[in-house]
Amino acid sequence: MSEVEKVKIFTNQSIEIELPKSVEAKCSDFCLEVYSAVAYIIEPSNNKGMVLCSCLDYNNNPLRSEEIPLNISYSELAKYSNPPVINGLTNMYHPCQILADLVTIREKKDRLEGINLTYTWGYCQRARPAGVCNSLLFGSAKTGVNITIACPEGYEPDNEVYEKAKQDAKKTGAKIQITNDLKEGIRGADVIYTKNYAPAGLDKIKEEKLRQQNKHWIMTKELFNLADPEAIFMHCMPVYRDQEVTSEVVDGPRSAIYDEANNRLHAQKAVLAQVTP
C-alpha cells in the first residue's frame, strides 16, 4: 500500500490517510480500520459535519495541529453537525481528560474544593500540546481546586487562558499560581500532575532549545516526597518514562495513573448522558 491512499467511504467524500509503509489498512463494510496510523480528513468543515452526522450519534473527534488552528475547527464543525460535537482533544484544550482527572481527585481525596494541585512541566524528547495544562486551569478554577503551574521560564501557560481561569477562580475561591521554582511548586501539594507541553505559538526552534536546556525537569521520588505525605501522582498517559517522570514514581504506591485512565470511561459516559436528548 502506498504511503498516501485515498478511499471513498459512506459517500463520495475523500479521506486522505498518511500511513507508514509498514502499516496496513483495509476498508470493508463501510468501515475503515487504520492500525497505528493517523487519518487526516482534508474536507472543509461543512463537508465533514454533514458526512459525519449522517453516520454518527455523537462526534467525539481528536483534532491535531496539522488540522486545526488553535480551537477554531470544532466550532466550525459543530455548525454543520446535527449530533453533538464533543471536544476529544485539540492542541489548545482537552476537557474530556480533565473531567476524568477531577473524578480521580474526588475519588482519592473525597473532595475537590481546597485541594492543592501542582501541575509540573516535564522534559520530553518531543514537544507535546498544552491542551491538558489549559483545560486543567479551567477545570480547577471552576471546581475550587487550588492549582500551581510549575514550569521552566518560557513555558508559562497561555495568557488568555490564564486570565479567563482567574475570572472563574474569583467565583469559587480557587487560587492560581505560576512558578519557575519546581521544588517550591511541589512542596505540600495534595496532587502532583506531570506532563510535557509547549505553549501554542512558541517558536519551534526556540522551544527545542528551551526544552534541551531543561532536561533536569523530571519528577523523581526525591521531588515527589516534597509533596504532602499522602499526595497522589497523576499523568494522563502515554507517559514518557524517565523523561517526564521516573518509573519509580509512575509505578509507586501513590501513583493514580491507571485509575485516572479508567475514569476516562466513566467521565465520557457522563458527558454522553448530558448531551443525550
Protein backbone atom coordinates (compact mmCIF):
# COMPACT_ATOMS: atom_id res chain seq x y z
CA MET A 1 0.00 0.00 0.00
CA SER A 2 1.26 3.49 -0.83
CA GLU A 3 2.00 5.94 1.95
CA VAL A 4 -0.91 8.15 0.95
CA GLU A 5 -4.06 6.34 -0.02
CA LYS A 6 -7.46 7.80 -0.79
CA VAL A 7 -10.58 5.82 -0.06
CA LYS A 8 -14.20 6.74 -0.50
CA ILE A 9 -16.34 5.96 2.49
CA PHE A 10 -20.05 6.42 3.17
CA THR A 11 -20.43 8.96 0.35
CA ASN A 12 -18.16 10.32 -2.34
CA GLN A 13 -16.20 12.31 0.22
CA SER A 14 -12.47 11.64 0.06
CA ILE A 15 -10.45 10.90 3.16
CA GLU A 16 -6.69 11.12 2.86
CA ILE A 17 -4.68 8.85 5.12
CA GLU A 18 -0.98 9.18 5.70
CA LEU A 19 0.48 5.81 6.59
CA PRO A 20 3.94 4.46 7.36
CA LYS A 21 4.95 1.84 4.83
CA SER A 22 4.69 -0.89 7.43
CA VAL A 23 1.11 -0.05 8.33
CA GLU A 24 -1.80 -1.94 6.82
CA ALA A 25 -5.27 -0.53 6.33
CA LYS A 26 -8.42 -2.00 4.95
CA CYS A 27 -11.84 -0.75 4.03
CA SER A 28 -14.71 -3.21 4.29
CA ASP A 29 -18.43 -2.93 5.01
CA PHE A 30 -18.04 0.86 5.01
CA CYS A 31 -15.67 0.65 8.00
CA LEU A 32 -12.15 1.99 7.79
CA GLU A 33 -9.69 0.33 10.14
CA VAL A 34 -6.33 2.03 10.41
CA TYR A 35 -3.74 0.46 12.66
CA SER A 36 -1.04 2.62 14.29
CA ALA A 37 -1.69 5.49 11.91
CA VAL A 38 -3.36 8.88 11.87
CA ALA A 39 -6.16 9.77 9.48
CA TYR A 40 -6.34 13.33 8.32
CA ILE A 41 -9.75 14.34 6.98
CA ILE A 42 -8.98 17.05 4.46
CA GLU A 43 -12.50 18.12 3.54
CA PRO A 44 -13.79 21.54 4.65
CA SER A 45 -15.63 21.67 8.00
CA ASN A 46 -19.08 21.88 6.42
CA ASN A 47 -18.46 18.74 4.37
CA LYS A 48 -17.08 16.91 7.39
CA GLY A 49 -20.02 17.87 9.56
CA MET A 50 -22.63 16.81 7.03
CA VAL A 51 -20.93 13.49 6.31
CA LEU A 52 -20.22 12.61 9.92
CA CYS A 53 -23.69 13.48 11.17
CA SER A 54 -25.17 11.07 8.65
CA CYS A 55 -23.42 8.12 10.25
CA LEU A 56 -22.80 9.07 13.90
CA ASP A 57 -24.88 9.61 17.01
CA TYR A 58 -22.06 11.63 18.57
CA ASN A 59 -18.90 13.14 17.19
CA ASN A 60 -16.04 12.88 19.66
CA ASN A 61 -13.10 13.73 17.48
CA PRO A 62 -9.49 14.44 18.44
CA LEU A 63 -8.06 17.06 16.10
CA ARG A 64 -4.33 17.63 15.79
CA SER A 65 -2.15 20.60 14.97
CA GLU A 66 -1.96 19.75 11.27
CA GLU A 67 -5.71 20.17 11.04
CA ILE A 68 -6.71 22.95 13.42
CA PRO A 69 -5.56 26.50 14.02
CA LEU A 70 -5.97 26.62 17.81
CA ASN A 71 -9.58 25.62 18.54
CA ILE A 72 -11.46 27.00 15.56
CA SER A 73 -12.34 23.84 13.63
CA TYR A 74 -14.50 22.38 16.40
CA SER A 75 -16.75 25.43 16.31
CA GLU A 76 -16.94 25.23 12.54
CA LEU A 77 -17.64 21.51 12.64
CA ALA A 78 -20.43 21.99 15.18
CA LYS A 79 -22.20 24.46 12.87
CA TYR A 80 -22.80 21.73 10.30
CA SER A 81 -23.29 18.72 12.57
CA ASN A 82 -26.69 17.77 13.94
CA PRO A 83 -25.28 15.33 16.53
CA PRO A 84 -23.44 16.93 19.48
CA VAL A 85 -19.76 17.62 18.80
CA ILE A 86 -17.59 16.70 21.79
CA ASN A 87 -14.08 18.05 22.07
CA GLY A 88 -12.00 14.88 22.32
CA LEU A 89 -8.70 16.78 22.10
CA THR A 90 -7.20 19.83 20.44
CA ASN A 91 -3.82 21.50 20.80
CA MET A 92 -5.46 24.14 22.98
CA TYR A 93 -7.93 22.15 25.10
CA HIS A 94 -8.57 18.66 26.41
CA PRO A 95 -11.76 18.93 28.51
CA CYS A 96 -12.64 15.22 28.40
CA GLN A 97 -9.32 14.35 30.05
CA ILE A 98 -9.79 16.96 32.75
CA LEU A 99 -13.24 15.60 33.64
CA ALA A 100 -11.59 12.24 34.30
CA ASP A 101 -8.81 13.96 36.26
CA LEU A 102 -11.30 15.72 38.52
CA VAL A 103 -13.22 12.49 39.05
CA THR A 104 -9.95 10.83 40.08
CA ILE A 105 -9.04 13.58 42.54
CA ARG A 106 -12.53 13.49 44.04
CA GLU A 107 -12.31 9.71 44.28
CA LYS A 108 -8.91 9.75 46.01
CA LYS A 109 -9.32 12.84 48.19
CA ASP A 110 -13.09 12.84 48.89
CA ARG A 111 -13.37 16.46 47.78
CA LEU A 112 -12.26 18.99 45.18
CA GLU A 113 -12.66 22.35 46.89
CA GLY A 114 -9.48 23.38 48.65
CA ILE A 115 -7.31 20.61 47.19
CA ASN A 116 -3.80 21.79 46.30
CA LEU A 117 -2.84 20.55 42.83
CA THR A 118 0.55 21.15 41.26
CA TYR A 119 0.94 20.63 37.54
CA THR A 120 4.61 20.36 36.64
CA TRP A 121 6.21 20.65 33.23
CA GLY A 122 8.39 17.63 32.45
CA TYR A 123 11.11 17.16 29.89
CA CYS A 124 10.27 15.00 26.87
CA GLN A 125 12.11 14.09 23.69
CA ARG A 126 9.41 15.86 21.71
CA ALA A 127 7.13 18.79 22.43
CA ARG A 128 3.53 17.94 23.22
CA PRO A 129 0.38 20.09 23.08
CA ALA A 130 -0.69 22.28 26.00
CA GLY A 131 -4.34 21.19 25.97
CA VAL A 132 -4.18 19.39 29.32
CA CYS A 133 -2.48 22.33 31.03
CA ASN A 134 -5.00 24.83 29.67
CA SER A 135 -8.07 22.75 30.45
CA LEU A 136 -6.75 21.85 33.90
CA LEU A 137 -6.53 25.56 34.68
CA PHE A 138 -10.19 25.96 33.74
CA GLY A 139 -11.34 22.78 35.47
CA SER A 140 -9.52 23.60 38.69
CA ALA A 141 -10.73 27.19 38.77
CA LYS A 142 -14.35 26.13 38.20
CA THR A 143 -14.32 23.49 40.97
CA GLY A 144 -12.40 25.32 43.67
CA VAL A 145 -9.15 23.38 43.29
CA ASN A 146 -6.06 25.44 44.06
CA ILE A 147 -3.68 24.95 41.14
CA THR A 148 0.01 25.75 40.80
CA ILE A 149 1.72 25.53 37.42
CA ALA A 150 5.42 24.81 37.94
CA CYS A 151 7.35 25.24 34.72
CA PRO A 152 10.67 26.50 33.34
CA GLU A 153 10.82 30.09 32.19
CA GLY A 154 9.26 30.33 28.75
CA TYR A 155 6.68 27.59 29.36
CA GLU A 156 4.14 29.69 31.23
CA PRO A 157 0.51 28.96 30.26
CA ASP A 158 -1.30 30.86 27.53
CA ASN A 159 -2.06 34.30 28.95
CA GLU A 160 -5.63 34.43 27.63
CA VAL A 161 -6.39 31.06 29.23
CA TYR A 162 -4.76 32.21 32.47
CA GLU A 163 -6.82 35.40 32.63
CA LYS A 164 -10.08 33.57 31.93
CA ALA A 165 -9.27 30.95 34.57
CA LYS A 166 -8.65 33.72 37.11
CA GLN A 167 -12.16 35.03 36.48
CA ASP A 168 -13.60 31.58 37.23
CA ALA A 169 -11.39 31.31 40.31
CA LYS A 170 -12.88 34.51 41.74
CA LYS A 171 -16.27 32.79 41.83
CA THR A 172 -15.07 29.62 43.58
CA GLY A 173 -12.25 30.94 45.73
CA ALA A 174 -9.65 28.80 43.95
CA LYS A 175 -6.06 30.04 43.96
CA ILE A 176 -3.93 30.02 40.81
CA GLN A 177 -0.16 30.34 40.96
CA ILE A 178 2.60 30.08 38.37
CA THR A 179 6.18 29.46 39.43
CA ASN A 180 9.51 28.68 37.81
CA ASP A 181 10.71 27.03 41.03
CA LEU A 182 9.99 23.30 40.73
CA LYS A 183 10.68 22.40 44.36
CA GLU A 184 8.66 25.30 45.72
CA GLY A 185 5.75 24.41 43.44
CA ILE A 186 5.70 20.80 44.63
CA ARG A 187 6.08 21.46 48.35
CA GLY A 188 3.00 20.40 50.34
CA ALA A 189 0.80 19.63 47.30
CA ASP A 190 -2.03 17.09 47.60
CA VAL A 191 -1.77 16.11 43.94
CA ILE A 192 1.22 16.13 41.60
CA TYR A 193 0.43 16.01 37.88
CA THR A 194 3.39 15.93 35.49
CA LYS A 195 3.31 16.32 31.73
CA ASN A 196 5.36 17.87 28.97
CA TYR A 197 3.77 20.65 26.93
CA ALA A 198 4.67 23.55 24.69
CA PRO A 199 2.52 26.70 24.74
CA ALA A 200 0.73 27.40 21.47
CA GLY A 201 2.61 29.89 19.33
CA LEU A 202 6.03 29.21 20.83
CA ASP A 203 8.60 29.17 18.03
CA LYS A 204 9.66 25.56 17.36
CA ILE A 205 13.37 26.31 17.19
CA LYS A 206 13.21 28.35 20.39
CA GLU A 207 11.13 25.66 22.08
CA GLU A 208 13.60 22.92 21.12
CA LYS A 209 16.44 24.94 22.62
CA LEU A 210 14.48 25.65 25.81
CA ARG A 211 13.48 22.00 26.16
CA GLN A 212 17.03 20.75 25.87
CA GLN A 213 18.11 23.28 28.49
CA ASN A 214 15.59 21.87 30.95
CA LYS A 215 16.24 18.13 30.86
CA HIS A 216 16.58 18.24 34.65
CA TRP A 217 12.84 18.95 34.95
CA ILE A 218 11.88 15.36 35.70
CA MET A 219 9.63 14.17 38.52
CA THR A 220 11.77 11.98 40.75
CA LYS A 221 10.95 10.22 44.01
CA GLU A 222 13.00 12.80 45.87
CA LEU A 223 10.98 15.65 44.39
CA PHE A 224 7.68 13.83 44.84
CA ASN A 225 8.47 13.39 48.53
CA LEU A 226 8.36 17.18 48.90
CA ALA A 227 4.60 16.97 48.40
CA ASP A 228 2.15 16.04 51.13
CA PRO A 229 2.89 12.56 52.57
CA GLU A 230 -0.46 11.37 51.22
CA ALA A 231 -0.12 13.08 47.84
CA ILE A 232 -1.03 11.16 44.69
CA PHE A 233 0.73 11.25 41.33
CA MET A 234 -1.22 11.74 38.10
CA HIS A 235 -0.43 11.65 34.38
CA CYS A 236 -2.90 11.37 31.51
CA MET A 237 -0.66 8.93 29.60
CA PRO A 238 1.11 7.97 27.46
CA VAL A 239 3.95 8.51 29.93
CA TYR A 240 7.45 9.20 28.70
CA ARG A 241 9.15 7.21 31.43
CA ASP A 242 12.44 8.50 32.79
CA GLN A 243 11.97 11.68 30.79
CA GLU A 244 8.92 13.42 32.27
CA VAL A 245 8.87 11.23 35.36
CA THR A 246 10.87 8.31 36.72
CA SER A 247 9.42 4.81 36.65
CA GLU A 248 9.86 4.74 40.43
CA VAL A 249 7.16 7.40 40.77
CA VAL A 250 4.93 6.10 37.97
CA ASP A 251 4.86 2.59 39.45
CA GLY A 252 4.92 3.74 43.07
CA PRO A 253 2.19 3.08 45.65
CA ARG A 254 0.77 6.58 45.36
CA SER A 255 0.52 6.63 41.57
CA ALA A 256 -3.10 7.03 40.41
CA ILE A 257 -2.48 6.91 36.67
CA TYR A 258 -4.39 3.68 36.00
CA ASP A 259 -7.44 4.76 37.98
CA GLU A 260 -7.19 8.07 36.13
CA ALA A 261 -7.20 6.24 32.79
CA ASN A 262 -10.16 4.09 33.86
CA ASN A 263 -12.10 7.19 34.84
CA ARG A 264 -11.95 8.41 31.25
CA LEU A 265 -14.66 5.82 30.54
CA HIS A 266 -16.92 6.98 33.35
CA ALA A 267 -16.40 10.67 32.67
CA GLN A 268 -17.23 10.25 28.99
CA LYS A 269 -20.34 8.23 29.81
CA ALA A 270 -21.46 11.17 31.93
CA VAL A 271 -20.83 13.57 29.04
CA LEU A 272 -22.90 11.39 26.70
CA ALA A 273 -25.68 11.22 29.28
CA GLN A 274 -25.75 15.02 29.44
CA VAL A 275 -25.98 15.52 25.68
CA THR A 276 -28.45 12.72 25.01
CA PRO A 277 -31.89 14.14 24.15
